[in-house]
Amino acid sequence: MLQITPNGGRTWLLRVVVGNRRREIGLGGYPEVSLAQARDRAREAKESIRQGIDPVEERKAVRAALMTAQRRGLAFSDAVDRYLDAKLSEFKNAKHAAQWRSTLATYAIPELGHMPVSDITVQDVLHVLQPIWYDKTETAKRLRGRIEAVLSWATVAGHRTGGNPALWKGNLDALLPKPGRVAK
């Protein structure tokens, strides 16, 4: 049926009994969903019901799974913001706090900012550090430590599992020369 709301909105609805409960299942809004499409969606919903699946509960489960995935999928740029919000009060010097934010924003966020912290690998961290490792060794060394701190926070906060890809000892030290050997 076509439902018309008091505000003039029009949507297709399927009224059906699922188990012993009466359900009104939304099939889409008119005119985006044509009558033929609404009929097809109604047929699919009725077929699901015949197979013992409640389409409304199925939609709720899909939506809940999506929301859980989004909560777990914290982007690196958001992790930086949350980490700095929690830790900036520890810094005694305002200049030091500004340097943290600046180096991460300049070098790490353009490469890693959009990535979920759970997906960041050693290769991703290496991709950030290699361009500046020889020219700006001290900055690269500090940046590596800052990325490590953000990823450690993300691990403890439950947004990632496993080892920290920005660790130096037993990790990046095998891929990059020691900063003392590179810096002049």
N, C-alpha and C. Protein backbone atom coordinates (compact mmCIF):
# COMPACT_ATOMS: atom_id res chain seq x y z
N MET A 1 0.84 -1.17 0.00
CA MET A 1 0.00 0.00 0.00
C MET A 1 0.89 1.24 0.00
N LEU A 2 0.33 2.37 -0.42
CA LEU A 2 1.03 3.64 -0.40
C LEU A 2 0.56 4.41 0.83
N GLN A 3 1.48 4.75 1.71
CA GLN A 3 1.16 5.50 2.92
C GLN A 3 1.49 6.97 2.67
N ILE A 4 0.56 7.85 2.97
CA ILE A 4 0.79 9.28 2.84
C ILE A 4 0.74 9.88 4.23
N THR A 5 1.86 10.51 4.64
CA THR A 5 1.96 11.08 5.99
C THR A 5 1.30 12.46 6.01
N PRO A 6 1.00 12.99 7.20
CA PRO A 6 0.40 14.32 7.30
C PRO A 6 1.26 15.42 6.66
N ASN A 7 2.57 15.21 6.60
CA ASN A 7 3.47 16.19 5.99
C ASN A 7 3.55 16.05 4.48
N GLY A 8 2.89 15.06 3.92
CA GLY A 8 2.88 14.86 2.48
C GLY A 8 3.89 13.84 1.98
N GLY A 9 4.64 13.20 2.89
CA GLY A 9 5.58 12.16 2.49
C GLY A 9 4.84 10.91 2.04
N ARG A 10 5.37 10.26 1.03
CA ARG A 10 4.71 9.05 0.51
C ARG A 10 5.69 7.88 0.51
N THR A 11 5.30 6.79 1.12
CA THR A 11 6.14 5.59 1.19
C THR A 11 5.31 4.35 0.93
N TRP A 12 5.98 3.35 0.39
CA TRP A 12 5.34 2.06 0.16
C TRP A 12 5.49 1.22 1.41
N LEU A 13 4.40 0.55 1.81
CA LEU A 13 4.40 -0.32 2.98
C LEU A 13 3.82 -1.69 2.62
N LEU A 14 4.34 -2.69 3.27
CA LEU A 14 3.79 -4.04 3.16
C LEU A 14 3.31 -4.42 4.55
N ARG A 15 2.00 -4.69 4.68
CA ARG A 15 1.43 -5.17 5.94
C ARG A 15 1.36 -6.67 5.86
N VAL A 16 1.99 -7.31 6.85
CA VAL A 16 2.05 -8.76 6.82
C VAL A 16 2.17 -9.27 8.25
N VAL A 17 1.77 -10.52 8.47
CA VAL A 17 1.92 -11.14 9.78
C VAL A 17 3.16 -12.03 9.74
N VAL A 18 4.07 -11.78 10.69
CA VAL A 18 5.29 -12.57 10.80
C VAL A 18 5.22 -13.30 12.13
N GLY A 19 5.13 -14.62 12.05
CA GLY A 19 4.90 -15.39 13.27
C GLY A 19 3.52 -15.06 13.80
N ASN A 20 3.44 -14.44 14.94
CA ASN A 20 2.15 -14.00 15.46
C ASN A 20 2.13 -12.47 15.63
N ARG A 21 3.06 -11.79 14.98
CA ARG A 21 3.14 -10.33 15.08
C ARG A 21 2.79 -9.69 13.74
N ARG A 22 2.02 -8.65 13.80
CA ARG A 22 1.71 -7.89 12.60
C ARG A 22 2.81 -6.88 12.37
N ARG A 23 3.33 -6.84 11.15
CA ARG A 23 4.44 -5.95 10.81
C ARG A 23 4.04 -5.05 9.66
N GLU A 24 4.57 -3.84 9.69
CA GLU A 24 4.50 -2.94 8.54
C GLU A 24 5.93 -2.75 8.08
N ILE A 25 6.23 -3.28 6.92
CA ILE A 25 7.59 -3.27 6.41
C ILE A 25 7.70 -2.18 5.35
N GLY A 26 8.63 -1.25 5.56
CA GLY A 26 8.86 -0.19 4.58
C GLY A 26 9.54 -0.73 3.34
N LEU A 27 9.02 -0.34 2.19
CA LEU A 27 9.57 -0.80 0.92
C LEU A 27 10.27 0.31 0.15
N GLY A 28 10.24 1.52 0.68
CA GLY A 28 10.90 2.65 0.01
C GLY A 28 9.93 3.79 -0.22
N GLY A 29 10.50 4.93 -0.53
CA GLY A 29 9.69 6.13 -0.74
C GLY A 29 9.29 6.32 -2.18
N TYR A 30 8.12 6.91 -2.36
CA TYR A 30 7.63 7.24 -3.68
C TYR A 30 8.07 8.67 -3.97
N PRO A 31 8.54 9.04 -5.09
CA PRO A 31 8.64 8.37 -6.38
C PRO A 31 9.98 7.66 -6.63
N GLU A 32 10.92 7.68 -5.64
CA GLU A 32 12.20 7.00 -5.86
C GLU A 32 12.02 5.52 -6.13
N VAL A 33 11.04 4.92 -5.47
CA VAL A 33 10.72 3.51 -5.68
C VAL A 33 9.39 3.45 -6.41
N SER A 34 9.43 2.88 -7.60
CA SER A 34 8.20 2.80 -8.40
C SER A 34 7.29 1.69 -7.86
N LEU A 35 6.07 1.63 -8.38
CA LEU A 35 5.13 0.60 -7.97
C LEU A 35 5.68 -0.79 -8.29
N ALA A 36 6.29 -0.94 -9.45
CA ALA A 36 6.85 -2.23 -9.84
C ALA A 36 7.98 -2.65 -8.89
N GLN A 37 8.84 -1.69 -8.52
CA GLN A 37 9.92 -2.00 -7.60
C GLN A 37 9.37 -2.35 -6.21
N ALA A 38 8.35 -1.64 -5.78
CA ALA A 38 7.73 -1.93 -4.49
C ALA A 38 7.13 -3.33 -4.48
N ARG A 39 6.51 -3.71 -5.57
CA ARG A 39 5.94 -5.07 -5.66
C ARG A 39 7.05 -6.13 -5.59
N ASP A 40 8.18 -5.87 -6.29
CA ASP A 40 9.30 -6.81 -6.25
C ASP A 40 9.85 -6.95 -4.82
N ARG A 41 10.00 -5.82 -4.14
CA ARG A 41 10.50 -5.84 -2.76
C ARG A 41 9.52 -6.56 -1.83
N ALA A 42 8.23 -6.39 -2.09
CA ALA A 42 7.22 -7.07 -1.27
C ALA A 42 7.31 -8.58 -1.49
N ARG A 43 7.50 -9.00 -2.74
CA ARG A 43 7.65 -10.43 -3.03
C ARG A 43 8.87 -11.00 -2.30
N GLU A 44 9.99 -10.26 -2.34
CA GLU A 44 11.20 -10.72 -1.66
C GLU A 44 10.97 -10.83 -0.15
N ALA A 45 10.30 -9.85 0.43
CA ALA A 45 10.02 -9.87 1.88
C ALA A 45 9.12 -11.06 2.22
N LYS A 46 8.09 -11.31 1.40
CA LYS A 46 7.19 -12.44 1.67
C LYS A 46 7.93 -13.76 1.54
N GLU A 47 8.86 -13.86 0.60
CA GLU A 47 9.65 -15.08 0.44
C GLU A 47 10.54 -15.31 1.66
N SER A 48 11.12 -14.23 2.19
CA SER A 48 11.93 -14.34 3.41
C SER A 48 11.08 -14.83 4.58
N ILE A 49 9.88 -14.31 4.68
CA ILE A 49 8.97 -14.71 5.77
C ILE A 49 8.64 -16.19 5.65
N ARG A 50 8.40 -16.65 4.42
CA ARG A 50 8.09 -18.07 4.20
C ARG A 50 9.26 -18.95 4.63
N GLN A 51 10.49 -18.42 4.50
CA GLN A 51 11.68 -19.18 4.89
C GLN A 51 11.99 -19.04 6.38
N GLY A 52 11.13 -18.33 7.11
CA GLY A 52 11.29 -18.21 8.55
C GLY A 52 12.15 -17.03 8.99
N ILE A 53 12.39 -16.07 8.10
CA ILE A 53 13.21 -14.91 8.42
C ILE A 53 12.31 -13.69 8.56
N ASP A 54 12.49 -12.97 9.66
CA ASP A 54 11.74 -11.73 9.87
C ASP A 54 12.53 -10.59 9.22
N PRO A 55 12.04 -9.99 8.14
CA PRO A 55 12.79 -8.94 7.44
C PRO A 55 13.11 -7.72 8.31
N VAL A 56 12.23 -7.39 9.24
CA VAL A 56 12.47 -6.24 10.12
C VAL A 56 13.63 -6.54 11.06
N GLU A 57 13.63 -7.71 11.66
CA GLU A 57 14.73 -8.09 12.57
C GLU A 57 16.04 -8.25 11.81
N GLU A 58 15.95 -8.75 10.58
CA GLU A 58 17.14 -8.89 9.75
C GLU A 58 17.76 -7.52 9.46
N ARG A 59 16.93 -6.52 9.14
CA ARG A 59 17.42 -5.16 8.90
C ARG A 59 18.07 -4.59 10.15
N LYS A 60 17.44 -4.82 11.31
CA LYS A 60 18.00 -4.33 12.57
C LYS A 60 19.37 -4.94 12.83
N ALA A 61 19.51 -6.24 12.56
CA ALA A 61 20.79 -6.91 12.78
C ALA A 61 21.87 -6.36 11.85
N VAL A 62 21.51 -6.12 10.60
CA VAL A 62 22.46 -5.56 9.63
C VAL A 62 22.89 -4.16 10.07
N ARG A 63 21.93 -3.35 10.49
CA ARG A 63 22.22 -1.99 10.94
C ARG A 63 23.11 -2.01 12.18
N ALA A 64 22.84 -2.92 13.12
CA ALA A 64 23.65 -3.02 14.33
C ALA A 64 25.08 -3.45 14.00
N ALA A 65 25.22 -4.39 13.07
CA ALA A 65 26.55 -4.83 12.67
C ALA A 65 27.33 -3.70 12.00
N LEU A 66 26.66 -2.91 11.19
CA LEU A 66 27.29 -1.77 10.53
C LEU A 66 27.75 -0.73 11.55
N MET A 67 26.91 -0.45 12.53
CA MET A 67 27.27 0.52 13.56
C MET A 67 28.45 0.03 14.39
N THR A 68 28.49 -1.25 14.69
CA THR A 68 29.61 -1.82 15.44
C THR A 68 30.89 -1.72 14.63
N ALA A 69 30.81 -2.02 13.35
CA ALA A 69 31.99 -1.92 12.48
C ALA A 69 32.47 -0.47 12.40
N GLN A 70 31.56 0.46 12.33
CA GLN A 70 31.95 1.87 12.27
C GLN A 70 32.61 2.30 13.58
N ARG A 71 32.11 1.84 14.70
CA ARG A 71 32.72 2.19 15.98
C ARG A 71 34.12 1.62 16.09
N ARG A 72 34.30 0.40 15.61
CA ARG A 72 35.61 -0.24 15.66
C ARG A 72 36.56 0.39 14.65
N GLY A 73 36.04 0.88 13.55
CA GLY A 73 36.85 1.42 12.47
C GLY A 73 37.26 2.86 12.70
N LEU A 74 37.96 3.15 13.79
CA LEU A 74 38.41 4.50 14.11
C LEU A 74 39.54 4.89 13.17
N ALA A 75 39.37 6.01 12.47
CA ALA A 75 40.40 6.49 11.54
C ALA A 75 41.58 7.02 12.34
N PHE A 76 42.76 6.98 11.72
CA PHE A 76 43.98 7.44 12.39
C PHE A 76 43.87 8.90 12.80
N SER A 77 43.31 9.73 11.93
CA SER A 77 43.19 11.16 12.26
C SER A 77 42.30 11.36 13.50
N ASP A 78 41.24 10.57 13.62
CA ASP A 78 40.38 10.66 14.81
C ASP A 78 41.11 10.14 16.05
N ALA A 79 41.93 9.10 15.86
CA ALA A 79 42.70 8.56 16.99
C ALA A 79 43.71 9.60 17.47
N VAL A 80 44.32 10.33 16.54
CA VAL A 80 45.26 11.39 16.92
C VAL A 80 44.54 12.44 17.77
N ASP A 81 43.37 12.86 17.31
CA ASP A 81 42.61 13.87 18.05
C ASP A 81 42.26 13.39 19.46
N ARG A 82 41.79 12.16 19.55
CA ARG A 82 41.39 11.62 20.86
C ARG A 82 42.60 11.45 21.78
N TYR A 83 43.71 10.97 21.20
CA TYR A 83 44.92 10.79 21.99
C TYR A 83 45.42 12.14 22.51
N LEU A 84 45.47 13.13 21.63
CA LEU A 84 45.96 14.44 22.05
C LEU A 84 45.02 15.11 23.05
N ASP A 85 43.72 14.91 22.89
CA ASP A 85 42.78 15.45 23.88
C ASP A 85 43.06 14.88 25.27
N ALA A 86 43.42 13.60 25.30
CA ALA A 86 43.68 12.94 26.57
C ALA A 86 45.05 13.30 27.14
N LYS A 87 46.04 13.53 26.27
CA LYS A 87 47.42 13.66 26.73
C LYS A 87 47.99 15.07 26.73
N LEU A 88 47.38 16.02 26.01
CA LEU A 88 47.97 17.36 25.92
C LEU A 88 48.09 18.06 27.26
N SER A 89 47.22 17.72 28.20
CA SER A 89 47.29 18.35 29.52
C SER A 89 48.57 17.93 30.27
N GLU A 90 49.18 16.83 29.88
CA GLU A 90 50.42 16.37 30.52
C GLU A 90 51.62 17.21 30.10
N PHE A 91 51.55 17.84 28.93
CA PHE A 91 52.67 18.61 28.44
C PHE A 91 52.75 19.93 29.19
N LYS A 92 53.92 20.23 29.73
CA LYS A 92 54.08 21.46 30.49
C LYS A 92 54.29 22.65 29.56
N ASN A 93 54.82 22.40 28.39
CA ASN A 93 55.15 23.47 27.46
C ASN A 93 54.14 23.48 26.31
N ALA A 94 53.52 24.62 26.05
CA ALA A 94 52.53 24.73 24.97
C ALA A 94 53.18 24.51 23.60
N LYS A 95 54.44 24.91 23.48
CA LYS A 95 55.16 24.72 22.22
C LYS A 95 55.32 23.23 21.91
N HIS A 96 55.61 22.45 22.96
CA HIS A 96 55.76 21.01 22.79
C HIS A 96 54.45 20.37 22.30
N ALA A 97 53.34 20.78 22.88
CA ALA A 97 52.03 20.26 22.46
C ALA A 97 51.74 20.64 21.02
N ALA A 98 52.09 21.87 20.63
CA ALA A 98 51.87 22.30 19.25
C ALA A 98 52.74 21.51 18.28
N GLN A 99 53.96 21.16 18.69
CA GLN A 99 54.84 20.38 17.83
C GLN A 99 54.28 18.97 17.60
N TRP A 100 53.71 18.38 18.63
CA TRP A 100 53.09 17.06 18.47
C TRP A 100 52.02 17.11 17.40
N ARG A 101 51.11 18.05 17.56
CA ARG A 101 49.99 18.16 16.62
C ARG A 101 50.51 18.49 15.21
N SER A 102 51.48 19.37 15.12
CA SER A 102 52.01 19.82 13.84
C SER A 102 52.70 18.70 13.07
N THR A 103 53.60 17.95 13.74
CA THR A 103 54.30 16.89 13.02
C THR A 103 53.36 15.79 12.56
N LEU A 104 52.42 15.44 13.41
CA LEU A 104 51.45 14.42 13.00
C LEU A 104 50.58 14.91 11.85
N ALA A 105 50.15 16.18 11.90
CA ALA A 105 49.31 16.73 10.84
C ALA A 105 50.08 16.90 9.54
N THR A 106 51.35 17.24 9.62
CA THR A 106 52.15 17.48 8.41
C THR A 106 52.56 16.20 7.71
N TYR A 107 53.02 15.22 8.48
CA TYR A 107 53.62 14.03 7.86
C TYR A 107 52.75 12.77 7.93
N ALA A 108 52.09 12.52 9.05
CA ALA A 108 51.38 11.24 9.22
C ALA A 108 49.96 11.28 8.70
N ILE A 109 49.21 12.34 9.01
CA ILE A 109 47.79 12.36 8.65
C ILE A 109 47.55 12.36 7.15
N PRO A 110 48.38 13.04 6.33
CA PRO A 110 48.14 12.93 4.87
C PRO A 110 48.22 11.49 4.34
N GLU A 111 49.07 10.67 4.96
CA GLU A 111 49.23 9.29 4.51
C GLU A 111 48.32 8.31 5.25
N LEU A 112 48.19 8.49 6.56
CA LEU A 112 47.47 7.52 7.38
C LEU A 112 46.11 7.99 7.88
N GLY A 113 45.81 9.28 7.75
CA GLY A 113 44.63 9.88 8.36
C GLY A 113 43.33 9.18 8.07
N HIS A 114 43.14 8.76 6.84
CA HIS A 114 41.87 8.13 6.42
C HIS A 114 41.80 6.65 6.78
N MET A 115 42.93 6.05 7.11
CA MET A 115 42.97 4.60 7.36
C MET A 115 42.45 4.26 8.76
N PRO A 116 41.70 3.17 8.89
CA PRO A 116 41.34 2.71 10.23
C PRO A 116 42.61 2.28 10.98
N VAL A 117 42.72 2.60 12.25
CA VAL A 117 43.92 2.25 13.01
C VAL A 117 44.13 0.74 13.04
N SER A 118 43.08 -0.02 12.92
CA SER A 118 43.21 -1.49 12.94
C SER A 118 43.87 -2.03 11.67
N ASP A 119 43.91 -1.22 10.59
CA ASP A 119 44.48 -1.68 9.33
C ASP A 119 45.90 -1.19 9.08
N ILE A 120 46.45 -0.35 9.93
CA ILE A 120 47.78 0.22 9.71
C ILE A 120 48.84 -0.85 9.95
N THR A 121 49.77 -0.96 8.99
CA THR A 121 50.82 -1.97 9.05
C THR A 121 52.19 -1.29 9.11
N VAL A 122 53.22 -2.10 9.25
CA VAL A 122 54.60 -1.60 9.26
C VAL A 122 54.89 -0.89 7.95
N GLN A 123 54.39 -1.42 6.84
CA GLN A 123 54.64 -0.80 5.54
C GLN A 123 54.03 0.60 5.46
N ASP A 124 52.87 0.79 6.07
CA ASP A 124 52.24 2.11 6.07
C ASP A 124 53.08 3.11 6.87
N VAL A 125 53.56 2.70 8.02
CA VAL A 125 54.40 3.57 8.84
C VAL A 125 55.70 3.86 8.10
N LEU A 126 56.27 2.87 7.47
CA LEU A 126 57.49 3.04 6.69
C LEU A 126 57.27 4.02 5.55
N HIS A 127 56.12 3.97 4.93
CA HIS A 127 55.77 4.87 3.83
C HIS A 127 55.75 6.33 4.30
N VAL A 128 55.38 6.55 5.57
CA VAL A 128 55.38 7.90 6.14
C VAL A 128 56.80 8.35 6.47
N LEU A 129 57.61 7.45 7.02
CA LEU A 129 58.92 7.81 7.53
C LEU A 129 60.02 7.90 6.47
N GLN A 130 60.02 7.03 5.49
CA GLN A 130 61.11 6.97 4.52
C GLN A 130 61.39 8.29 3.81
N PRO A 131 60.39 9.05 3.37
CA PRO A 131 60.71 10.29 2.66
C PRO A 131 61.50 11.31 3.49
N ILE A 132 61.37 11.27 4.81
CA ILE A 132 62.06 12.27 5.63
C ILE A 132 63.17 11.67 6.50
N TRP A 133 63.39 10.37 6.45
CA TRP A 133 64.33 9.72 7.35
C TRP A 133 65.76 10.23 7.17
N TYR A 134 66.18 10.49 5.94
CA TYR A 134 67.56 10.92 5.69
C TYR A 134 67.72 12.44 5.76
N ASP A 135 66.70 13.19 5.33
CA ASP A 135 66.79 14.65 5.29
C ASP A 135 66.44 15.29 6.62
N LYS A 136 65.44 14.78 7.30
CA LYS A 136 64.95 15.36 8.56
C LYS A 136 64.93 14.25 9.61
N THR A 137 66.09 13.75 9.91
CA THR A 137 66.18 12.56 10.76
C THR A 137 65.57 12.77 12.14
N GLU A 138 65.87 13.89 12.77
CA GLU A 138 65.34 14.13 14.11
C GLU A 138 63.82 14.22 14.10
N THR A 139 63.27 14.90 13.09
CA THR A 139 61.82 15.00 12.96
C THR A 139 61.22 13.62 12.73
N ALA A 140 61.84 12.82 11.86
CA ALA A 140 61.34 11.47 11.56
C ALA A 140 61.37 10.59 12.80
N LYS A 141 62.46 10.73 13.58
CA LYS A 141 62.59 9.93 14.81
C LYS A 141 61.46 10.29 15.80
N ARG A 142 61.21 11.57 15.96
CA ARG A 142 60.14 12.00 16.86
C ARG A 142 58.77 11.61 16.32
N LEU A 143 58.59 11.73 15.02
CA LEU A 143 57.32 11.36 14.39
C LEU A 143 57.03 9.88 14.61
N ARG A 144 58.06 9.04 14.47
CA ARG A 144 57.87 7.61 14.69
C ARG A 144 57.38 7.35 16.11
N GLY A 145 57.97 8.00 17.07
CA GLY A 145 57.56 7.84 18.46
C GLY A 145 56.13 8.32 18.69
N ARG A 146 55.76 9.38 18.01
CA ARG A 146 54.40 9.91 18.18
C ARG A 146 53.37 8.99 17.54
N ILE A 147 53.69 8.44 16.38
CA ILE A 147 52.79 7.47 15.74
C ILE A 147 52.66 6.24 16.64
N GLU A 148 53.79 5.80 17.21
CA GLU A 148 53.77 4.66 18.13
C GLU A 148 52.85 4.93 19.31
N ALA A 149 52.93 6.13 19.87
CA ALA A 149 52.10 6.48 21.03
C ALA A 149 50.62 6.47 20.67
N VAL A 150 50.27 7.02 19.51
CA VAL A 150 48.87 7.05 19.09
C VAL A 150 48.35 5.63 18.87
N LEU A 151 49.15 4.79 18.21
CA LEU A 151 48.72 3.41 17.96
C LEU A 151 48.66 2.59 19.25
N SER A 152 49.54 2.88 20.21
CA SER A 152 49.46 2.21 21.51
C SER A 152 48.17 2.59 22.22
N TRP A 153 47.83 3.88 22.16
CA TRP A 153 46.57 4.33 22.76
C TRP A 153 45.39 3.62 22.11
N ALA A 154 45.43 3.51 20.76
CA ALA A 154 44.33 2.86 20.03
C ALA A 154 44.20 1.39 20.42
N THR A 155 45.33 0.73 20.69
CA THR A 155 45.29 -0.67 21.11
C THR A 155 44.65 -0.80 22.48
N VAL A 156 45.09 0.03 23.41
CA VAL A 156 44.55 -0.02 24.77
C VAL A 156 43.07 0.36 24.79
N ALA A 157 42.68 1.29 23.91
CA ALA A 157 41.28 1.74 23.85
C ALA A 157 40.39 0.74 23.13
N GLY A 158 40.97 -0.34 22.57
CA GLY A 158 40.18 -1.39 21.94
C GLY A 158 39.89 -1.18 20.47
N HIS A 159 40.62 -0.27 19.82
CA HIS A 159 40.37 0.00 18.41
C HIS A 159 41.29 -0.78 17.47
N ARG A 160 42.30 -1.46 18.04
CA ARG A 160 43.17 -2.30 17.23
C ARG A 160 43.70 -3.42 18.10
N THR A 161 44.18 -4.47 17.44
CA THR A 161 44.77 -5.61 18.15
C THR A 161 46.11 -5.91 17.53
N GLY A 162 46.91 -6.68 18.24
CA GLY A 162 48.20 -7.08 17.70
C GLY A 162 49.30 -6.11 18.08
N GLY A 163 50.46 -6.33 17.47
CA GLY A 163 51.63 -5.51 17.76
C GLY A 163 51.53 -4.11 17.17
N ASN A 164 52.36 -3.24 17.69
CA ASN A 164 52.39 -1.85 17.23
C ASN A 164 53.35 -1.76 16.03
N PRO A 165 52.87 -1.38 14.86
CA PRO A 165 53.73 -1.33 13.67
C PRO A 165 54.75 -0.20 13.70
N ALA A 166 54.65 0.72 14.65
CA ALA A 166 55.60 1.84 14.72
C ALA A 166 56.70 1.60 15.75
N LEU A 167 56.74 0.41 16.36
CA LEU A 167 57.81 0.11 17.32
C LEU A 167 59.16 0.16 16.62
N TRP A 168 60.18 0.62 17.33
CA TRP A 168 61.52 0.69 16.75
C TRP A 168 62.24 -0.64 16.95
N LYS A 169 62.40 -1.04 18.19
CA LYS A 169 63.19 -2.23 18.51
C LYS A 169 62.48 -3.50 18.03
N GLY A 170 63.21 -4.27 17.25
CA GLY A 170 62.67 -5.53 16.73
C GLY A 170 61.63 -5.33 15.64
N ASN A 171 61.58 -4.15 15.06
CA ASN A 171 60.56 -3.86 14.05
C ASN A 171 61.17 -2.94 12.98
N LEU A 172 61.03 -1.65 13.18
CA LEU A 172 61.52 -0.70 12.18
C LEU A 172 63.04 -0.61 12.16
N ASP A 173 63.71 -1.01 13.24
CA ASP A 173 65.17 -0.96 13.25
C ASP A 173 65.78 -1.91 12.22
N ALA A 174 65.03 -2.91 11.80
CA ALA A 174 65.51 -3.83 10.77
C ALA A 174 65.33 -3.25 9.36
N LEU A 175 64.48 -2.23 9.23
CA LEU A 175 64.17 -1.68 7.91
C LEU A 175 64.81 -0.31 7.65
N LEU A 176 65.11 0.42 8.70
CA LEU A 176 65.68 1.76 8.57
C LEU A 176 67.02 1.83 9.28
N PRO A 177 67.96 2.64 8.77
CA PRO A 177 69.23 2.80 9.48
C PRO A 177 69.02 3.56 10.80
N LYS A 178 69.92 3.33 11.73
CA LYS A 178 69.80 4.01 13.02
C LYS A 178 69.90 5.52 12.81
N PRO A 179 69.07 6.27 13.53
CA PRO A 179 69.09 7.72 13.36
C PRO A 179 70.45 8.35 13.62
N GLY A 180 71.22 7.81 14.57
CA GLY A 180 72.54 8.33 14.88
C GLY A 180 73.54 8.16 13.74
N ARG A 181 73.31 7.18 12.90
CA ARG A 181 74.21 6.92 11.77
C ARG A 181 73.87 7.80 10.55
N VAL A 182 72.63 8.32 10.54
CA VAL A 182 72.15 9.10 9.39
C VAL A 182 72.30 10.60 9.64
N ALA A 183 71.97 11.03 10.85
CA ALA A 183 71.98 12.45 11.15
C ALA A 183 73.40 12.98 11.20
N LYS A 184 73.55 14.20 10.73
CA LYS A 184 74.87 14.84 10.74
C LYS A 184 75.00 15.69 11.98
